[in-house]
N, C-alpha and C. Protein backbone atom coordinates (compact mmCIF):
# COMPACT_ATOMS: atom_id res chain seq x y z
N MET A 1 -69.16 -16.03 40.88
CA MET A 1 -68.43 -17.18 40.38
C MET A 1 -67.48 -17.70 41.46
N GLU A 2 -67.41 -18.99 41.56
CA GLU A 2 -66.49 -19.65 42.48
C GLU A 2 -65.09 -19.67 41.86
N ARG A 3 -64.08 -19.88 42.69
CA ARG A 3 -62.69 -19.91 42.22
C ARG A 3 -62.52 -20.90 41.06
N LYS A 4 -63.08 -22.08 41.19
CA LYS A 4 -62.96 -23.13 40.18
C LYS A 4 -63.53 -22.65 38.83
N GLU A 5 -64.67 -21.98 38.88
CA GLU A 5 -65.32 -21.47 37.67
C GLU A 5 -64.48 -20.35 37.04
N ILE A 6 -63.91 -19.51 37.89
CA ILE A 6 -63.08 -18.41 37.39
C ILE A 6 -61.85 -18.95 36.70
N ILE A 7 -61.18 -19.91 37.32
CA ILE A 7 -59.99 -20.52 36.73
C ILE A 7 -60.34 -21.18 35.39
N ALA A 8 -61.48 -21.86 35.33
CA ALA A 8 -61.93 -22.50 34.08
C ALA A 8 -62.16 -21.45 32.99
N GLU A 9 -62.77 -20.33 33.36
CA GLU A 9 -63.03 -19.26 32.39
C GLU A 9 -61.73 -18.62 31.92
N VAL A 10 -60.78 -18.43 32.84
CA VAL A 10 -59.48 -17.88 32.47
C VAL A 10 -58.80 -18.81 31.47
N ASN A 11 -58.79 -20.10 31.76
CA ASN A 11 -58.17 -21.07 30.85
C ASN A 11 -58.84 -21.07 29.48
N LYS A 12 -60.16 -20.92 29.46
CA LYS A 12 -60.90 -20.86 28.20
C LYS A 12 -60.47 -19.62 27.40
N ARG A 13 -60.34 -18.50 28.09
CA ARG A 13 -59.94 -17.27 27.40
C ARG A 13 -58.49 -17.32 26.93
N ILE A 14 -57.62 -17.98 27.70
CA ILE A 14 -56.23 -18.14 27.29
C ILE A 14 -56.17 -18.99 26.03
N GLU A 15 -56.95 -20.07 26.00
CA GLU A 15 -57.02 -20.95 24.83
C GLU A 15 -57.53 -20.17 23.61
N LYS A 16 -58.57 -19.39 23.82
CA LYS A 16 -59.17 -18.60 22.74
C LYS A 16 -58.20 -17.54 22.21
N ALA A 17 -57.34 -17.02 23.09
CA ALA A 17 -56.41 -15.96 22.71
C ALA A 17 -55.17 -16.46 21.99
N ALA A 18 -54.95 -17.76 22.00
CA ALA A 18 -53.75 -18.32 21.37
C ALA A 18 -53.61 -17.83 19.94
N GLY A 19 -52.46 -17.25 19.66
CA GLY A 19 -52.17 -16.77 18.31
C GLY A 19 -52.73 -15.41 17.97
N THR A 20 -53.56 -14.83 18.84
CA THR A 20 -54.15 -13.52 18.54
C THR A 20 -53.29 -12.36 19.01
N GLY A 21 -52.46 -12.59 20.02
CA GLY A 21 -51.63 -11.53 20.57
C GLY A 21 -52.33 -10.72 21.65
N GLU A 22 -53.62 -11.01 21.91
CA GLU A 22 -54.35 -10.25 22.92
C GLU A 22 -55.10 -11.19 23.86
N LEU A 23 -54.83 -11.04 25.13
CA LEU A 23 -55.55 -11.80 26.14
C LEU A 23 -56.47 -10.84 26.89
N ASP A 24 -57.76 -11.13 26.84
CA ASP A 24 -58.76 -10.27 27.49
C ASP A 24 -59.43 -11.04 28.62
N LEU A 25 -59.09 -10.64 29.85
CA LEU A 25 -59.71 -11.24 31.04
C LEU A 25 -60.65 -10.25 31.73
N SER A 26 -61.01 -9.21 31.02
CA SER A 26 -61.87 -8.16 31.58
C SER A 26 -63.18 -8.72 32.11
N TYR A 27 -63.65 -8.07 33.15
CA TYR A 27 -64.94 -8.34 33.79
C TYR A 27 -64.99 -9.63 34.60
N LEU A 28 -63.92 -10.40 34.62
CA LEU A 28 -63.88 -11.55 35.52
C LEU A 28 -63.47 -11.02 36.90
N GLN A 29 -64.15 -11.40 37.92
CA GLN A 29 -63.81 -10.93 39.26
C GLN A 29 -62.64 -11.75 39.79
N LEU A 30 -61.46 -11.46 39.27
CA LEU A 30 -60.26 -12.22 39.59
C LEU A 30 -59.77 -11.98 41.02
N LYS A 31 -59.87 -10.75 41.46
CA LYS A 31 -59.43 -10.33 42.80
C LYS A 31 -58.11 -10.99 43.16
N ASP A 32 -58.05 -11.66 44.30
CA ASP A 32 -56.80 -12.26 44.77
C ASP A 32 -56.42 -13.53 44.01
N TYR A 33 -57.32 -14.10 43.23
CA TYR A 33 -56.99 -15.28 42.42
C TYR A 33 -55.92 -14.94 41.38
N PHE A 34 -55.93 -13.69 40.96
CA PHE A 34 -55.06 -13.26 39.87
C PHE A 34 -53.59 -13.56 40.14
N VAL A 35 -53.15 -13.36 41.38
CA VAL A 35 -51.74 -13.55 41.72
C VAL A 35 -51.26 -14.94 41.30
N SER A 36 -52.08 -15.95 41.51
CA SER A 36 -51.69 -17.32 41.14
C SER A 36 -51.76 -17.57 39.63
N LEU A 37 -52.43 -16.70 38.90
CA LEU A 37 -52.58 -16.88 37.45
C LEU A 37 -51.48 -16.23 36.63
N VAL A 38 -50.71 -15.34 37.24
CA VAL A 38 -49.70 -14.57 36.50
C VAL A 38 -48.76 -15.45 35.68
N PRO A 39 -48.26 -16.58 36.19
CA PRO A 39 -47.37 -17.41 35.36
C PRO A 39 -48.01 -17.91 34.06
N ASP A 40 -49.34 -17.98 33.99
CA ASP A 40 -50.03 -18.42 32.78
C ASP A 40 -50.13 -17.33 31.72
N ILE A 41 -49.78 -16.11 32.10
CA ILE A 41 -49.90 -14.98 31.19
C ILE A 41 -48.52 -14.64 30.65
N LYS A 42 -48.16 -15.27 29.56
CA LYS A 42 -46.83 -15.03 29.01
C LYS A 42 -46.88 -14.87 27.50
N GLY A 43 -46.08 -13.91 27.03
CA GLY A 43 -45.93 -13.73 25.61
C GLY A 43 -47.00 -12.92 24.90
N TYR A 44 -47.96 -12.39 25.64
CA TYR A 44 -49.01 -11.60 25.00
C TYR A 44 -48.57 -10.14 24.88
N PRO A 45 -48.66 -9.55 23.69
CA PRO A 45 -48.36 -8.13 23.55
C PRO A 45 -49.45 -7.24 24.16
N SER A 46 -50.67 -7.78 24.27
CA SER A 46 -51.78 -7.00 24.80
C SER A 46 -52.53 -7.79 25.88
N LEU A 47 -52.73 -7.14 27.02
CA LEU A 47 -53.42 -7.77 28.14
C LEU A 47 -54.48 -6.81 28.67
N LYS A 48 -55.72 -7.29 28.67
CA LYS A 48 -56.84 -6.47 29.18
C LYS A 48 -57.36 -7.10 30.46
N LEU A 49 -57.30 -6.30 31.51
CA LEU A 49 -57.75 -6.74 32.83
C LEU A 49 -58.74 -5.73 33.42
N ASP A 50 -59.52 -5.10 32.58
CA ASP A 50 -60.46 -4.09 33.04
C ASP A 50 -61.51 -4.69 33.98
N ARG A 51 -61.75 -3.98 35.06
CA ARG A 51 -62.79 -4.32 36.04
C ARG A 51 -62.68 -5.75 36.58
N THR A 52 -61.45 -6.15 36.87
CA THR A 52 -61.22 -7.48 37.44
C THR A 52 -60.96 -7.43 38.93
N ARG A 53 -60.81 -6.22 39.47
CA ARG A 53 -60.59 -6.00 40.90
C ARG A 53 -59.32 -6.67 41.42
N ILE A 54 -58.26 -6.62 40.60
CA ILE A 54 -57.01 -7.25 41.03
C ILE A 54 -56.26 -6.42 42.07
N GLY A 55 -56.55 -5.13 42.14
CA GLY A 55 -55.95 -4.27 43.15
C GLY A 55 -54.44 -4.17 43.06
N ASP A 56 -53.87 -3.57 44.08
CA ASP A 56 -52.42 -3.38 44.13
C ASP A 56 -51.67 -4.72 44.13
N ALA A 57 -52.18 -5.70 44.87
CA ALA A 57 -51.50 -7.00 44.96
C ALA A 57 -51.39 -7.67 43.59
N GLY A 58 -52.45 -7.60 42.80
CA GLY A 58 -52.42 -8.18 41.46
C GLY A 58 -51.46 -7.47 40.54
N VAL A 59 -51.44 -6.14 40.62
CA VAL A 59 -50.52 -5.36 39.79
C VAL A 59 -49.08 -5.62 40.21
N GLN A 60 -48.85 -5.73 41.51
CA GLN A 60 -47.51 -6.02 42.00
C GLN A 60 -47.03 -7.38 41.49
N ALA A 61 -47.90 -8.38 41.51
CA ALA A 61 -47.54 -9.72 41.01
C ALA A 61 -47.23 -9.66 39.51
N LEU A 62 -48.05 -8.92 38.77
CA LEU A 62 -47.85 -8.77 37.34
C LEU A 62 -46.51 -8.08 37.05
N ALA A 63 -46.24 -7.01 37.77
CA ALA A 63 -45.03 -6.22 37.56
C ALA A 63 -43.75 -7.00 37.88
N LYS A 64 -43.84 -7.98 38.75
CA LYS A 64 -42.66 -8.78 39.13
C LYS A 64 -42.41 -9.95 38.18
N SER A 65 -43.32 -10.19 37.27
CA SER A 65 -43.25 -11.37 36.42
C SER A 65 -42.49 -11.13 35.11
N PRO A 66 -41.45 -11.94 34.86
CA PRO A 66 -40.76 -11.83 33.57
C PRO A 66 -41.64 -12.29 32.40
N HIS A 67 -42.76 -12.94 32.70
CA HIS A 67 -43.68 -13.43 31.66
C HIS A 67 -44.37 -12.29 30.91
N VAL A 68 -44.32 -11.07 31.44
CA VAL A 68 -45.01 -9.95 30.80
C VAL A 68 -44.06 -9.02 30.05
N ALA A 69 -42.84 -9.45 29.85
CA ALA A 69 -41.84 -8.60 29.20
C ALA A 69 -42.21 -8.20 27.77
N ALA A 70 -43.08 -8.96 27.13
CA ALA A 70 -43.50 -8.63 25.75
C ALA A 70 -44.68 -7.66 25.70
N LEU A 71 -45.23 -7.30 26.86
CA LEU A 71 -46.42 -6.44 26.89
C LEU A 71 -46.17 -5.08 26.24
N GLN A 72 -47.05 -4.74 25.30
CA GLN A 72 -47.02 -3.43 24.68
C GLN A 72 -48.26 -2.62 25.06
N SER A 73 -49.32 -3.33 25.44
CA SER A 73 -50.58 -2.69 25.80
C SER A 73 -51.15 -3.35 27.05
N LEU A 74 -51.44 -2.53 28.05
CA LEU A 74 -51.96 -3.04 29.32
C LEU A 74 -53.15 -2.20 29.75
N HIS A 75 -54.29 -2.87 29.91
CA HIS A 75 -55.53 -2.20 30.34
C HIS A 75 -55.85 -2.62 31.77
N LEU A 76 -55.93 -1.64 32.65
CA LEU A 76 -56.21 -1.89 34.06
C LEU A 76 -57.31 -0.96 34.57
N VAL A 77 -58.32 -0.73 33.78
CA VAL A 77 -59.40 0.19 34.12
C VAL A 77 -60.19 -0.32 35.33
N CYS A 78 -60.45 0.57 36.27
CA CYS A 78 -61.34 0.31 37.40
C CYS A 78 -60.96 -0.96 38.17
N ASN A 79 -59.78 -0.94 38.78
CA ASN A 79 -59.26 -2.12 39.44
C ASN A 79 -58.81 -1.89 40.88
N ASP A 80 -59.26 -0.84 41.50
CA ASP A 80 -58.87 -0.56 42.89
C ASP A 80 -57.35 -0.45 43.05
N ILE A 81 -56.71 0.13 42.05
CA ILE A 81 -55.26 0.29 42.08
C ILE A 81 -54.92 1.64 42.71
N GLY A 82 -54.01 1.60 43.65
CA GLY A 82 -53.57 2.81 44.33
C GLY A 82 -52.10 3.09 44.06
N VAL A 83 -51.51 3.82 44.98
CA VAL A 83 -50.11 4.22 44.86
C VAL A 83 -49.19 3.01 44.72
N ALA A 84 -49.39 2.00 45.55
CA ALA A 84 -48.52 0.81 45.52
C ALA A 84 -48.53 0.12 44.16
N GLY A 85 -49.67 0.05 43.53
CA GLY A 85 -49.77 -0.55 42.20
C GLY A 85 -49.03 0.26 41.15
N ALA A 86 -49.21 1.59 41.20
CA ALA A 86 -48.52 2.46 40.25
C ALA A 86 -47.01 2.39 40.45
N GLN A 87 -46.58 2.35 41.70
CA GLN A 87 -45.15 2.25 41.99
C GLN A 87 -44.58 0.92 41.49
N ALA A 88 -45.34 -0.15 41.62
CA ALA A 88 -44.89 -1.46 41.14
C ALA A 88 -44.69 -1.44 39.63
N LEU A 89 -45.65 -0.87 38.91
CA LEU A 89 -45.51 -0.75 37.45
C LEU A 89 -44.28 0.07 37.08
N ALA A 90 -44.10 1.19 37.78
CA ALA A 90 -42.99 2.09 37.50
C ALA A 90 -41.63 1.45 37.74
N LYS A 91 -41.53 0.61 38.74
CA LYS A 91 -40.26 -0.02 39.10
C LYS A 91 -39.96 -1.28 38.29
N SER A 92 -40.94 -1.78 37.57
CA SER A 92 -40.79 -3.05 36.89
C SER A 92 -39.87 -2.99 35.66
N PRO A 93 -38.82 -3.81 35.67
CA PRO A 93 -37.96 -3.87 34.49
C PRO A 93 -38.62 -4.64 33.34
N TYR A 94 -39.80 -5.21 33.61
CA TYR A 94 -40.51 -5.99 32.58
C TYR A 94 -41.55 -5.16 31.83
N MET A 95 -41.64 -3.88 32.12
CA MET A 95 -42.62 -3.01 31.47
C MET A 95 -41.98 -2.10 30.43
N THR A 96 -40.77 -2.40 30.02
CA THR A 96 -40.03 -1.50 29.13
C THR A 96 -40.51 -1.50 27.67
N ALA A 97 -41.35 -2.45 27.28
CA ALA A 97 -41.89 -2.46 25.91
C ALA A 97 -43.28 -1.81 25.85
N LEU A 98 -43.79 -1.41 27.00
CA LEU A 98 -45.15 -0.87 27.10
C LEU A 98 -45.31 0.44 26.34
N LYS A 99 -46.30 0.46 25.43
CA LYS A 99 -46.61 1.66 24.65
C LYS A 99 -47.96 2.25 25.04
N HIS A 100 -48.85 1.40 25.52
CA HIS A 100 -50.23 1.80 25.79
C HIS A 100 -50.59 1.36 27.22
N LEU A 101 -50.89 2.32 28.08
CA LEU A 101 -51.24 2.01 29.47
C LEU A 101 -52.55 2.70 29.84
N GLU A 102 -53.54 1.89 30.17
CA GLU A 102 -54.88 2.34 30.58
C GLU A 102 -55.02 2.14 32.08
N LEU A 103 -55.01 3.21 32.82
CA LEU A 103 -55.16 3.14 34.27
C LEU A 103 -56.35 3.96 34.77
N SER A 104 -57.30 4.24 33.91
CA SER A 104 -58.41 5.10 34.30
C SER A 104 -59.27 4.45 35.40
N TYR A 105 -59.91 5.32 36.17
CA TYR A 105 -60.82 4.94 37.25
C TYR A 105 -60.15 4.06 38.31
N ASN A 106 -59.02 4.53 38.78
CA ASN A 106 -58.32 3.93 39.90
C ASN A 106 -58.04 5.04 40.90
N GLU A 107 -57.10 4.87 41.79
CA GLU A 107 -56.80 5.88 42.81
C GLU A 107 -55.30 6.06 43.00
N ILE A 108 -54.56 6.28 41.90
CA ILE A 108 -53.11 6.37 42.04
C ILE A 108 -52.65 7.72 42.57
N GLY A 109 -53.43 8.76 42.38
CA GLY A 109 -53.12 10.08 42.93
C GLY A 109 -51.79 10.65 42.44
N ASP A 110 -51.41 11.76 43.04
CA ASP A 110 -50.18 12.46 42.65
C ASP A 110 -48.93 11.62 42.90
N ILE A 111 -48.93 10.85 43.97
CA ILE A 111 -47.75 10.04 44.31
C ILE A 111 -47.56 8.92 43.28
N GLY A 112 -48.64 8.29 42.88
CA GLY A 112 -48.57 7.25 41.86
C GLY A 112 -48.13 7.80 40.52
N VAL A 113 -48.65 8.98 40.17
CA VAL A 113 -48.27 9.64 38.92
C VAL A 113 -46.78 9.97 38.94
N LYS A 114 -46.32 10.45 40.08
CA LYS A 114 -44.90 10.79 40.22
C LYS A 114 -44.03 9.56 39.96
N ALA A 115 -44.42 8.41 40.51
CA ALA A 115 -43.66 7.17 40.29
C ALA A 115 -43.60 6.83 38.81
N LEU A 116 -44.73 6.92 38.12
CA LEU A 116 -44.76 6.62 36.68
C LEU A 116 -43.91 7.62 35.89
N ALA A 117 -44.07 8.90 36.21
CA ALA A 117 -43.38 9.96 35.47
C ALA A 117 -41.86 9.92 35.65
N GLU A 118 -41.42 9.44 36.79
CA GLU A 118 -39.98 9.42 37.07
C GLU A 118 -39.33 8.08 36.72
N SER A 119 -40.06 7.21 36.07
CA SER A 119 -39.54 5.88 35.76
C SER A 119 -38.99 5.79 34.34
N PRO A 120 -37.74 5.41 34.20
CA PRO A 120 -37.19 5.19 32.86
C PRO A 120 -37.85 3.99 32.17
N HIS A 121 -38.47 3.10 32.96
CA HIS A 121 -39.16 1.94 32.38
C HIS A 121 -40.43 2.35 31.63
N MET A 122 -40.91 3.55 31.86
CA MET A 122 -42.12 4.04 31.21
C MET A 122 -41.82 4.91 29.99
N ALA A 123 -40.57 5.01 29.61
CA ALA A 123 -40.15 5.91 28.53
C ALA A 123 -40.71 5.52 27.15
N THR A 124 -41.17 4.30 26.98
CA THR A 124 -41.71 3.87 25.68
C THR A 124 -43.20 4.19 25.52
N LEU A 125 -43.82 4.69 26.58
CA LEU A 125 -45.26 4.97 26.52
C LEU A 125 -45.58 6.01 25.45
N GLN A 126 -46.62 5.71 24.68
CA GLN A 126 -47.14 6.64 23.68
C GLN A 126 -48.57 7.05 24.03
N TYR A 127 -49.25 6.21 24.79
CA TYR A 127 -50.65 6.44 25.17
C TYR A 127 -50.76 6.17 26.67
N LEU A 128 -51.31 7.14 27.40
CA LEU A 128 -51.48 6.99 28.85
C LEU A 128 -52.82 7.58 29.24
N ASN A 129 -53.68 6.74 29.81
CA ASN A 129 -54.98 7.20 30.27
C ASN A 129 -55.01 7.12 31.80
N LEU A 130 -55.10 8.29 32.42
CA LEU A 130 -55.16 8.40 33.88
C LEU A 130 -56.44 9.10 34.33
N GLU A 131 -57.47 8.98 33.52
CA GLU A 131 -58.75 9.61 33.85
C GLU A 131 -59.25 9.11 35.21
N SER A 132 -59.79 10.02 35.99
CA SER A 132 -60.40 9.72 37.28
C SER A 132 -59.49 8.92 38.21
N ASN A 133 -58.39 9.57 38.60
CA ASN A 133 -57.41 8.95 39.49
C ASN A 133 -57.04 9.85 40.66
N ASN A 134 -57.84 10.86 40.91
CA ASN A 134 -57.58 11.79 42.00
C ASN A 134 -56.20 12.44 41.86
N ILE A 135 -55.93 12.90 40.65
CA ILE A 135 -54.66 13.57 40.36
C ILE A 135 -54.88 15.07 40.38
N GLY A 136 -54.01 15.76 41.08
CA GLY A 136 -54.09 17.21 41.18
C GLY A 136 -53.06 17.90 40.30
N GLU A 137 -52.93 19.21 40.53
CA GLU A 137 -52.00 20.01 39.73
C GLU A 137 -50.57 19.53 39.84
N ARG A 138 -50.18 19.11 41.04
CA ARG A 138 -48.81 18.65 41.26
C ARG A 138 -48.51 17.42 40.38
N GLY A 139 -49.46 16.50 40.32
CA GLY A 139 -49.28 15.30 39.49
C GLY A 139 -49.19 15.63 38.01
N VAL A 140 -50.04 16.54 37.56
CA VAL A 140 -50.03 16.96 36.16
C VAL A 140 -48.69 17.61 35.81
N LYS A 141 -48.22 18.47 36.71
CA LYS A 141 -46.93 19.15 36.49
C LYS A 141 -45.80 18.13 36.40
N THR A 142 -45.82 17.13 37.25
CA THR A 142 -44.79 16.09 37.23
C THR A 142 -44.78 15.37 35.88
N LEU A 143 -45.96 15.05 35.37
CA LEU A 143 -46.07 14.38 34.07
C LEU A 143 -45.52 15.24 32.94
N VAL A 144 -45.94 16.48 32.92
CA VAL A 144 -45.57 17.41 31.86
C VAL A 144 -44.07 17.66 31.83
N GLU A 145 -43.45 17.69 32.99
CA GLU A 145 -42.02 18.00 33.08
C GLU A 145 -41.12 16.76 32.97
N SER A 146 -41.70 15.59 32.91
CA SER A 146 -40.92 14.35 32.90
C SER A 146 -40.26 14.08 31.54
N PRO A 147 -38.96 13.84 31.54
CA PRO A 147 -38.31 13.49 30.28
C PRO A 147 -38.73 12.09 29.80
N TYR A 148 -39.22 11.25 30.72
CA TYR A 148 -39.64 9.90 30.35
C TYR A 148 -41.03 9.86 29.71
N MET A 149 -41.74 10.95 29.79
CA MET A 149 -43.08 11.03 29.19
C MET A 149 -43.06 11.83 27.88
N ALA A 150 -41.89 12.16 27.40
CA ALA A 150 -41.74 12.97 26.19
C ALA A 150 -42.31 12.30 24.94
N GLY A 151 -42.38 10.97 24.92
CA GLY A 151 -42.88 10.25 23.76
C GLY A 151 -44.38 10.08 23.72
N LEU A 152 -45.08 10.59 24.73
CA LEU A 152 -46.53 10.45 24.75
C LEU A 152 -47.18 11.19 23.58
N LYS A 153 -48.07 10.49 22.90
CA LYS A 153 -48.84 11.09 21.82
C LYS A 153 -50.27 11.36 22.28
N HIS A 154 -50.67 10.62 23.32
CA HIS A 154 -52.02 10.81 23.87
C HIS A 154 -51.95 10.68 25.39
N LEU A 155 -52.45 11.71 26.07
CA LEU A 155 -52.51 11.71 27.53
C LEU A 155 -53.91 12.12 27.95
N GLU A 156 -54.58 11.25 28.67
CA GLU A 156 -55.94 11.52 29.14
C GLU A 156 -55.91 11.76 30.65
N LEU A 157 -56.39 12.94 31.06
CA LEU A 157 -56.40 13.30 32.48
C LEU A 157 -57.76 13.81 32.94
N GLY A 158 -58.81 13.56 32.19
CA GLY A 158 -60.14 14.05 32.55
C GLY A 158 -60.64 13.48 33.87
N ARG A 159 -61.60 14.17 34.46
CA ARG A 159 -62.28 13.73 35.68
C ARG A 159 -61.35 13.45 36.85
N ASN A 160 -60.32 14.26 36.99
CA ASN A 160 -59.40 14.05 38.09
C ASN A 160 -59.68 15.00 39.24
N ASN A 161 -59.03 14.69 40.33
CA ASN A 161 -59.18 15.42 41.57
C ASN A 161 -60.60 15.34 42.12
N LYS A 162 -61.29 14.26 41.77
CA LYS A 162 -62.63 13.99 42.30
C LYS A 162 -62.57 12.62 42.95
N LYS A 163 -62.36 12.57 44.21
CA LYS A 163 -62.15 11.34 44.97
C LYS A 163 -63.13 10.24 44.58
N GLY A 164 -62.58 9.13 44.14
CA GLY A 164 -63.38 7.93 43.89
C GLY A 164 -63.95 7.77 42.50
N GLY A 165 -64.19 8.83 41.78
CA GLY A 165 -64.76 8.70 40.44
C GLY A 165 -66.01 7.82 40.44
N ILE A 166 -66.37 7.24 39.32
CA ILE A 166 -67.57 6.41 39.28
C ILE A 166 -67.37 5.07 39.99
N CYS A 167 -66.12 4.60 40.02
CA CYS A 167 -65.86 3.31 40.69
C CYS A 167 -66.04 3.46 42.21
N GLY A 168 -65.59 4.57 42.74
CA GLY A 168 -65.74 4.82 44.16
C GLY A 168 -67.20 4.95 44.59
N GLN A 169 -68.06 5.19 43.62
CA GLN A 169 -69.48 5.30 43.91
C GLN A 169 -70.22 3.99 43.63
N GLY A 170 -69.46 2.94 43.35
CA GLY A 170 -70.05 1.63 43.09
C GLY A 170 -70.71 1.49 41.73
N LEU A 171 -70.36 2.36 40.79
CA LEU A 171 -70.96 2.33 39.47
C LEU A 171 -70.10 1.61 38.44
N CYS A 172 -69.03 1.04 38.88
CA CYS A 172 -68.07 0.42 37.97
C CYS A 172 -68.21 -1.10 38.01
């Protein structure tokens, strides 16, 4: 898809999402286009960006935006997100309403997990999926010992410490 087509599809999905509370942009290859779209994403309690390839730059743009302050659920499955993306989420004062965070099939590793676990902005999380993120024992220990993760009701850590997961093998 060309940039023009992607923007048109995003606008169509934004229109369709009006009043639903959930904006789903999954499977659109947004990549670097996403940064310019962040101002259009405001007021949604749920945002799905699975397999959009927004990477660290897209997550950083999202985390800096006051337009996402209402977010309660954020899906970022298989998006080439690394340590910088996880750190951006952790530092964001606009992520304090977040209850559900899907970060599976990325590459945040132990350092990214540490940033999330040590962030008071993540204290409202009840659901956290970190499946296939190259997380080792140190990362797991950091999560378990974090006072900010005490409210978690569901924590998914399967398929970790296996570099790349299915996305790294081009299967995502």
